[in-house]
PDB file of N, CA and C in Angstrom:
ATOM      1  N   UNK A   1     -26.577-160.850-164.238  1.00  0.00           N
ATOM      2  CA  UNK A   1     -27.407-159.683-164.008  1.00  0.00           C
ATOM      3  C   UNK A   1     -28.803-159.963-164.544  1.00  0.00           C
ATOM      4  N   UNK A   2     -29.825-159.529-163.829  1.00  0.00           N
ATOM      5  CA  UNK A   2     -31.204-159.762-164.234  1.00  0.00           C
ATOM      6  C   UNK A   2     -31.570-158.806-165.364  1.00  0.00           C
ATOM      7  N   UNK A   3     -32.437-159.277-166.244  1.00  0.00           N
ATOM      8  CA  UNK A   3     -32.870-158.415-167.343  1.00  0.00           C
ATOM      9  C   UNK A   3     -33.879-157.398-166.827  1.00  0.00           C
ATOM     10  N   UNK A   4     -34.149-156.356-167.627  1.00  0.00           N
ATOM     11  CA  UNK A   4     -35.122-155.346-167.237  1.00  0.00           C
ATOM     12  C   UNK A   4     -36.498-155.942-167.012  1.00  0.00           C
ATOM     13  N   UNK A   5     -36.880-156.916-167.815  1.00  0.00           N
ATOM     14  CA  UNK A   5     -38.188-157.542-167.663  1.00  0.00           C
ATOM     15  C   UNK A   5     -38.298-158.205-166.301  1.00  0.00           C
ATOM     16  N   UNK A   6     -37.235-158.890-165.874  1.00  0.00           N
ATOM     17  CA  UNK A   6     -37.256-159.532-164.563  1.00  0.00           C
ATOM     18  C   UNK A   6     -37.281-158.496-163.442  1.00  0.00           C
ATOM     19  N   UNK A   7     -36.585-157.398-163.606  1.00  0.00           N
ATOM     20  CA  UNK A   7     -36.538-156.365-162.581  1.00  0.00           C
ATOM     21  C   UNK A   7     -37.907-155.721-162.403  1.00  0.00           C
ATOM     22  N   UNK A   8     -38.673-155.596-163.485  1.00  0.00           N
ATOM     23  CA  UNK A   8     -40.005-155.001-163.391  1.00  0.00           C
ATOM     24  C   UNK A   8     -40.947-155.914-162.621  1.00  0.00           C
ATOM     25  N   UNK A   9     -40.804-157.226-162.792  1.00  0.00           N
ATOM     26  CA  UNK A   9     -41.678-158.166-162.096  1.00  0.00           C
ATOM     27  C   UNK A   9     -41.374-158.203-160.610  1.00  0.00           C
ATOM     28  N   UNK A  10     -40.113-158.272-160.248  1.00  0.00           N
ATOM     29  CA  UNK A  10     -39.705-158.338-158.858  1.00  0.00           C
ATOM     30  C   UNK A  10     -38.415-157.534-158.692  1.00  0.00           C
ATOM     31  N   UNK A  11     -38.535-156.260-158.338  1.00  0.00           N
ATOM     32  CA  UNK A  11     -37.357-155.396-158.310  1.00  0.00           C
ATOM     33  C   UNK A  11     -36.307-155.798-157.279  1.00  0.00           C
ATOM     34  N   UNK A  12     -36.678-156.525-156.231  1.00  0.00           N
ATOM     35  CA  UNK A  12     -35.712-156.897-155.196  1.00  0.00           C
ATOM     36  C   UNK A  12     -34.957-158.174-155.530  1.00  0.00           C
ATOM     37  N   UNK A  13     -35.447-158.927-156.466  1.00  0.00           N
ATOM     38  CA  UNK A  13     -34.832-160.214-156.788  1.00  0.00           C
ATOM     39  C   UNK A  13     -33.513-160.004-157.524  1.00  0.00           C
ATOM     40  N   UNK A  14     -32.450-160.570-156.975  1.00  0.00           N
ATOM     41  CA  UNK A  14     -31.162-160.539-157.649  1.00  0.00           C
ATOM     42  C   UNK A  14     -30.453-159.203-157.618  1.00  0.00           C
ATOM     43  N   UNK A  15     -30.905-158.259-156.807  1.00  0.00           N
ATOM     44  CA  UNK A  15     -30.259-156.944-156.752  1.00  0.00           C
ATOM     45  C   UNK A  15     -29.335-156.886-155.548  1.00  0.00           C
ATOM     46  N   UNK A  16     -28.120-156.477-155.776  1.00  0.00           N
ATOM     47  CA  UNK A  16     -27.226-156.210-154.658  1.00  0.00           C
ATOM     48  C   UNK A  16     -26.416-154.960-154.976  1.00  0.00           C
ATOM     49  N   UNK A  17     -26.202-154.165-153.961  1.00  0.00           N
ATOM     50  CA  UNK A  17     -25.461-152.916-154.106  1.00  0.00           C
ATOM     51  C   UNK A  17     -23.986-153.235-154.313  1.00  0.00           C
ATOM     52  N   UNK A  18     -23.404-152.675-155.315  1.00  0.00           N
ATOM     53  CA  UNK A  18     -21.982-152.885-155.577  1.00  0.00           C
ATOM     54  C   UNK A  18     -21.157-151.904-154.758  1.00  0.00           C
ATOM     55  N   UNK A  19     -19.924-152.300-154.467  1.00  0.00           N
ATOM     56  CA  UNK A  19     -19.059-151.470-153.632  1.00  0.00           C
ATOM     57  C   UNK A  19     -18.779-150.102-154.260  1.00  0.00           C
ATOM     58  N   UNK A  20     -18.671-150.040-155.581  1.00  0.00           N
ATOM     59  CA  UNK A  20     -18.341-148.762-156.212  1.00  0.00           C
ATOM     60  C   UNK A  20     -19.544-147.817-156.303  1.00  0.00           C
ATOM     61  N   UNK A  21     -20.706-148.243-155.789  1.00  0.00           N
ATOM     62  CA  UNK A  21     -21.874-147.370-155.711  1.00  0.00           C
ATOM     63  C   UNK A  21     -22.029-146.821-154.295  1.00  0.00           C
ATOM     64  N   UNK A  22     -20.961-146.461-153.673  1.00  0.00           N
ATOM     65  CA  UNK A  22     -20.980-146.001-152.292  1.00  0.00           C
ATOM     66  C   UNK A  22     -21.816-144.736-152.145  1.00  0.00           C
ATOM     67  N   UNK A  23     -22.597-144.694-151.093  1.00  0.00           N
ATOM     68  CA  UNK A  23     -23.383-143.501-150.775  1.00  0.00           C
ATOM     69  C   UNK A  23     -22.755-142.737-149.610  1.00  0.00           C
ATOM     70  N   UNK A  24     -21.513-143.055-149.313  1.00  0.00           N
ATOM     71  CA  UNK A  24     -20.803-142.401-148.219  1.00  0.00           C
ATOM     72  C   UNK A  24     -20.734-140.899-148.498  1.00  0.00           C
ATOM     73  N   UNK A  25     -21.130-140.124-147.540  1.00  0.00           N
ATOM     74  CA  UNK A  25     -21.095-138.673-147.689  1.00  0.00           C
ATOM     75  C   UNK A  25     -22.328-138.097-148.374  1.00  0.00           C
ATOM     76  N   UNK A  26     -23.291-138.947-148.732  1.00  0.00           N
ATOM     77  CA  UNK A  26     -24.506-138.466-149.386  1.00  0.00           C
ATOM     78  C   UNK A  26     -25.355-137.674-148.396  1.00  0.00           C
ATOM     79  N   UNK A  27     -26.088-136.699-148.890  1.00  0.00           N
ATOM     80  CA  UNK A  27     -26.950-135.878-148.057  1.00  0.00           C
ATOM     81  C   UNK A  27     -28.379-136.044-148.558  1.00  0.00           C
ATOM     82  N   UNK A  28     -29.244-136.547-147.703  1.00  0.00           N
ATOM     83  CA  UNK A  28     -30.637-136.763-148.083  1.00  0.00           C
ATOM     84  C   UNK A  28     -31.333-135.407-148.238  1.00  0.00           C
ATOM     85  N   UNK A  29     -32.043-135.237-149.344  1.00  0.00           N
ATOM     86  CA  UNK A  29     -32.795-134.011-149.583  1.00  0.00           C
ATOM     87  C   UNK A  29     -31.951-132.815-149.964  1.00  0.00           C
ATOM     88  N   UNK A  30     -30.744-133.047-150.429  1.00  0.00           N
ATOM     89  CA  UNK A  30     -29.813-131.967-150.753  1.00  0.00           C
ATOM     90  C   UNK A  30     -30.404-130.982-151.773  1.00  0.00           C
ATOM     91  N   UNK A  31     -31.113-131.489-152.770  1.00  0.00           N
ATOM     92  CA  UNK A  31     -31.650-130.637-153.829  1.00  0.00           C
ATOM     93  C   UNK A  31     -33.162-130.453-153.724  1.00  0.00           C
ATOM     94  N   UNK A  32     -33.731-130.825-152.594  1.00  0.00           N
ATOM     95  CA  UNK A  32     -35.187-130.774-152.436  1.00  0.00           C
ATOM     96  C   UNK A  32     -35.741-129.373-152.664  1.00  0.00           C
ATOM     97  N   UNK A  33     -35.148-128.365-152.042  1.00  0.00           N
ATOM     98  CA  UNK A  33     -35.667-127.001-152.174  1.00  0.00           C
ATOM     99  C   UNK A  33     -35.622-126.512-153.617  1.00  0.00           C
ATOM    100  N   UNK A  34     -34.541-126.797-154.317  1.00  0.00           N
ATOM    101  CA  UNK A  34     -34.418-126.355-155.711  1.00  0.00           C
ATOM    102  C   UNK A  34     -35.504-126.992-156.573  1.00  0.00           C
ATOM    103  N   UNK A  35     -35.754-128.279-156.375  1.00  0.00           N
ATOM    104  CA  UNK A  35     -36.763-128.953-157.184  1.00  0.00           C
ATOM    105  C   UNK A  35     -38.173-128.560-156.789  1.00  0.00           C
ATOM    106  N   UNK A  36     -38.404-128.277-155.510  1.00  0.00           N
ATOM    107  CA  UNK A  36     -39.741-127.911-155.077  1.00  0.00           C
ATOM    108  C   UNK A  36     -40.076-126.472-155.432  1.00  0.00           C
ATOM    109  N   UNK A  37     -39.117-125.726-155.927  1.00  0.00           N
ATOM    110  CA  UNK A  37     -39.327-124.332-156.288  1.00  0.00           C
ATOM    111  C   UNK A  37     -40.108-124.143-157.572  1.00  0.00           C
ATOM    112  N   UNK A  38     -40.560-125.203-158.183  1.00  0.00           N
ATOM    113  CA  UNK A  38     -41.387-125.084-159.370  1.00  0.00           C
ATOM    114  C   UNK A  38     -40.650-125.348-160.663  1.00  0.00           C
ATOM    115  N   UNK A  39     -39.465-125.876-160.597  1.00  0.00           N
ATOM    116  CA  UNK A  39     -38.734-126.189-161.812  1.00  0.00           C
ATOM    117  C   UNK A  39     -39.406-127.349-162.534  1.00  0.00           C
ATOM    118  N   UNK A  40     -39.671-127.184-163.810  1.00  0.00           N
ATOM    119  CA  UNK A  40     -40.269-128.238-164.618  1.00  0.00           C
ATOM    120  C   UNK A  40     -39.337-128.569-165.767  1.00  0.00           C
ATOM    121  N   UNK A  41     -39.210-129.829-166.032  1.00  0.00           N
ATOM    122  CA  UNK A  41     -38.416-130.273-167.166  1.00  0.00           C
ATOM    123  C   UNK A  41     -39.381-130.891-168.163  1.00  0.00           C
ATOM    124  N   UNK A  42     -39.325-130.425-169.394  1.00  0.00           N
ATOM    125  CA  UNK A  42     -40.203-130.932-170.446  1.00  0.00           C
ATOM    126  C   UNK A  42     -39.331-131.393-171.603  1.00  0.00           C
ATOM    127  N   UNK A  43     -39.586-132.586-172.090  1.00  0.00           N
ATOM    128  CA  UNK A  43     -38.837-133.102-173.230  1.00  0.00           C
ATOM    129  C   UNK A  43     -39.588-132.780-174.509  1.00  0.00           C
ATOM    130  N   UNK A  44     -38.900-132.146-175.424  1.00  0.00           N
ATOM    131  CA  UNK A  44     -39.501-131.779-176.699  1.00  0.00           C
ATOM    132  C   UNK A  44     -39.206-132.853-177.732  1.00  0.00           C
ATOM    133  N   UNK A  45     -40.149-133.074-178.595  1.00  0.00           N
ATOM    134  CA  UNK A  45     -39.916-133.974-179.720  1.00  0.00           C
ATOM    135  C   UNK A  45     -38.873-133.320-180.625  1.00  0.00           C
ATOM    136  N   UNK A  46     -38.098-134.117-181.355  1.00  0.00           N
ATOM    137  CA  UNK A  46     -37.012-133.558-182.182  1.00  0.00           C
ATOM    138  C   UNK A  46     -37.464-132.483-183.166  1.00  0.00           C
ATOM    139  N   UNK A  47     -38.622-132.653-183.796  1.00  0.00           N
ATOM    140  CA  UNK A  47     -39.077-131.648-184.766  1.00  0.00           C
ATOM    141  C   UNK A  47     -39.423-130.331-184.086  1.00  0.00           C
ATOM    142  N   UNK A  48     -39.934-130.377-182.873  1.00  0.00           N
ATOM    143  CA  UNK A  48     -40.254-129.160-182.133  1.00  0.00           C
ATOM    144  C   UNK A  48     -38.961-128.503-181.643  1.00  0.00           C
ATOM    145  N   UNK A  49     -38.014-129.312-181.197  1.00  0.00           N
ATOM    146  CA  UNK A  49     -36.733-128.784-180.706  1.00  0.00           C
ATOM    147  C   UNK A  49     -35.947-128.080-181.807  1.00  0.00           C
ATOM    148  N   UNK A  50     -36.168-128.451-183.062  1.00  0.00           N
ATOM    149  CA  UNK A  50     -35.498-127.760-184.171  1.00  0.00           C
ATOM    150  C   UNK A  50     -35.989-126.330-184.298  1.00  0.00           C
ATOM    151  N   UNK A  51     -37.262-126.101-184.003  1.00  0.00           N
ATOM    152  CA  UNK A  51     -37.855-124.771-184.132  1.00  0.00           C
ATOM    153  C   UNK A  51     -37.591-123.930-182.883  1.00  0.00           C
ATOM    154  N   UNK A  52     -37.755-124.536-181.712  1.00  0.00           N
ATOM    155  CA  UNK A  52     -37.595-123.824-180.446  1.00  0.00           C
ATOM    156  C   UNK A  52     -36.275-124.249-179.809  1.00  0.00           C
ATOM    157  N   UNK A  53     -35.244-123.442-180.020  1.00  0.00           N
ATOM    158  CA  UNK A  53     -33.882-123.804-179.635  1.00  0.00           C
ATOM    159  C   UNK A  53     -33.590-123.662-178.145  1.00  0.00           C
ATOM    160  N   UNK A  54     -34.401-122.862-177.414  1.00  0.00           N
ATOM    161  CA  UNK A  54     -34.113-122.656-175.992  1.00  0.00           C
ATOM    162  C   UNK A  54     -35.409-122.414-175.223  1.00  0.00           C
ATOM    163  N   UNK A  55     -35.303-122.347-173.909  1.00  0.00           N
ATOM    164  CA  UNK A  55     -36.497-122.200-173.078  1.00  0.00           C
ATOM    165  C   UNK A  55     -37.185-120.858-173.302  1.00  0.00           C
ATOM    166  N   UNK A  56     -36.438-119.811-173.629  1.00  0.00           N
ATOM    167  CA  UNK A  56     -37.055-118.505-173.881  1.00  0.00           C
ATOM    168  C   UNK A  56     -37.983-118.575-175.086  1.00  0.00           C
ATOM    169  N   UNK A  57     -37.580-119.275-176.137  1.00  0.00           N
ATOM    170  CA  UNK A  57     -38.414-119.411-177.335  1.00  0.00           C
ATOM    171  C   UNK A  57     -39.663-120.226-177.038  1.00  0.00           C
ATOM    172  N   UNK A  58     -39.516-121.278-176.259  1.00  0.00           N
ATOM    173  CA  UNK A  58     -40.677-122.105-175.887  1.00  0.00           C
ATOM    174  C   UNK A  58     -41.643-121.290-175.041  1.00  0.00           C
ATOM    175  N   UNK A  59     -41.118-120.566-174.057  1.00  0.00           N
ATOM    176  CA  UNK A  59     -41.977-119.754-173.195  1.00  0.00           C
ATOM    177  C   UNK A  59     -42.732-118.692-173.982  1.00  0.00           C
ATOM    178  N   UNK A  60     -42.067-118.055-174.919  1.00  0.00           N
ATOM    179  CA  UNK A  60     -42.721-117.031-175.743  1.00  0.00           C
ATOM    180  C   UNK A  60     -43.867-117.636-176.555  1.00  0.00           C
ATOM    181  N   UNK A  61     -43.620-118.797-177.153  1.00  0.00           N
ATOM    182  CA  UNK A  61     -44.659-119.460-177.946  1.00  0.00           C
ATOM    183  C   UNK A  61     -45.843-119.870-177.068  1.00  0.00           C
ATOM    184  N   UNK A  62     -45.559-120.405-175.903  1.00  0.00           N
ATOM    185  CA  UNK A  62     -46.645-120.820-175.011  1.00  0.00           C
ATOM    186  C   UNK A  62     -47.438-119.632-174.488  1.00  0.00           C
ATOM    187  N   UNK A  63     -46.762-118.521-174.211  1.00  0.00           N
ATOM    188  CA  UNK A  63     -47.491-117.323-173.771  1.00  0.00           C
ATOM    189  C   UNK A  63     -48.400-116.796-174.867  1.00  0.00           C
ATOM    190  N   UNK A  64     -47.970-116.922-176.103  1.00  0.00           N
ATOM    191  CA  UNK A  64     -48.817-116.510-177.231  1.00  0.00           C
ATOM    192  C   UNK A  64     -50.064-117.388-177.295  1.00  0.00           C
ATOM    193  N   UNK A  65     -49.891-118.678-177.142  1.00  0.00           N
ATOM    194  CA  UNK A  65     -51.039-119.595-177.151  1.00  0.00           C
ATOM    195  C   UNK A  65     -51.977-119.279-175.993  1.00  0.00           C
ATOM    196  N   UNK A  66     -51.417-119.038-174.805  1.00  0.00           N
ATOM    197  CA  UNK A  66     -52.242-118.727-173.636  1.00  0.00           C
ATOM    198  C   UNK A  66     -53.026-117.446-173.861  1.00  0.00           C
ATOM    199  N   UNK A  67     -52.384-116.425-174.430  1.00  0.00           N
ATOM    200  CA  UNK A  67     -53.058-115.151-174.694  1.00  0.00           C
ATOM    201  C   UNK A  67     -54.183-115.332-175.696  1.00  0.00           C
ATOM    202  N   UNK A  68     -53.985-116.162-176.708  1.00  0.00           N
ATOM    203  CA  UNK A  68     -55.024-116.404-177.707  1.00  0.00           C
ATOM    204  C   UNK A  68     -56.219-117.108-177.086  1.00  0.00           C
ATOM    205  N   UNK A  69     -55.972-118.035-176.186  1.00  0.00           N
ATOM    206  CA  UNK A  69     -57.064-118.760-175.538  1.00  0.00           C
ATOM    207  C   UNK A  69     -57.820-117.875-174.568  1.00  0.00           C
ATOM    208  N   UNK A  70     -57.152-116.870-174.010  1.00  0.00           N
ATOM    209  CA  UNK A  70     -57.775-115.991-173.023  1.00  0.00           C
ATOM    210  C   UNK A  70     -58.698-114.968-173.668  1.00  0.00           C
ATOM    211  N   UNK A  71     -58.488-114.679-174.952  1.00  0.00           N
ATOM    212  CA  UNK A  71     -59.326-113.697-175.632  1.00  0.00           C
ATOM    213  C   UNK A  71     -60.720-114.269-175.857  1.00  0.00           C
ATOM    214  N   UNK A  72     -61.753-113.467-175.582  1.00  0.00           N
ATOM    215  CA  UNK A  72     -63.113-113.960-175.837  1.00  0.00           C
ATOM    216  C   UNK A  72     -63.330-114.101-177.343  1.00  0.00           C
ATOM    217  N   UNK A  73     -63.967-115.185-177.710  1.00  0.00           N
ATOM    218  CA  UNK A  73     -64.232-115.427-179.129  1.00  0.00           C
ATOM    219  C   UNK A  73     -65.441-114.610-179.568  1.00  0.00           C
ATOM    220  N   UNK A  74     -65.314-114.027-180.754  1.00  0.00           N
ATOM    221  CA  UNK A  74     -66.434-113.273-181.321  1.00  0.00           C
ATOM    222  C   UNK A  74     -67.479-114.270-181.794  1.00  0.00           C
ATOM    223  N   UNK A  75     -68.707-114.028-181.396  1.00  0.00           N
ATOM    224  CA  UNK A  75     -69.783-114.931-181.817  1.00  0.00           C
ATOM    225  C   UNK A  75     -70.510-114.307-183.004  1.00  0.00           C
ATOM    226  N   UNK A  76     -70.806-115.119-183.955  1.00  0.00           N
ATOM    227  CA  UNK A  76     -71.564-114.622-185.108  1.00  0.00           C
ATOM    228  C   UNK A  76     -73.051-114.874-184.845  1.00  0.00           C
ATOM    229  N   UNK A  77     -73.846-113.869-185.116  1.00  0.00           N
ATOM    230  CA  UNK A  77     -75.280-114.008-184.899  1.00  0.00           C
ATOM    231  C   UNK A  77     -75.961-114.225-186.245  1.00  0.00           C
ATOM    232  N   UNK A  78     -76.819-115.182-186.248  1.00  0.00           N
ATOM    233  CA  UNK A  78     -77.586-115.457-187.464  1.00  0.00           C
ATOM    234  C   UNK A  78     -78.820-114.581-187.469  1.00  0.00           C
ATOM    235  N   UNK A  79     -79.132-114.076-188.637  1.00  0.00           N
ATOM    236  CA  UNK A  79     -80.344-113.236-188.773  1.00  0.00           C
ATOM    237  C   UNK A  79     -81.572-114.129-188.824  1.00  0.00           C
ATOM    238  N   UNK A  80     -82.594-113.638-188.189  1.00  0.00           N
ATOM    239  CA  UNK A  80     -83.871-114.384-188.239  1.00  0.00           C
ATOM    240  C   UNK A  80     -84.491-114.163-189.608  1.00  0.00           C
ATOM    241  N   UNK A  81     -85.021-115.211-190.198  1.00  0.00           N
ATOM    242  CA  UNK A  81     -85.629-115.044-191.505  1.00  0.00           C
ATOM    243  C   UNK A  81     -87.102-114.936-191.444  1.00  0.00           C
TER     244      UNK A  81
END
């Protein structure tokens, strides 16, 4: 079997489909609509995943950040001397 380094250089070299990888009965584009519906998968770093246990917690935190960025910042005016 070719190593990963060799496969990156020439992906077709030394590759052959094995019999137990049969695609018989496969349907092209079976999940296309589900994936095109806007589903996003994001991988969290382990330290972040400890705090945000599920997608609802992540969404809530991100909405808070978005709301903070949307608020106009108060500008401080310097007095003329």
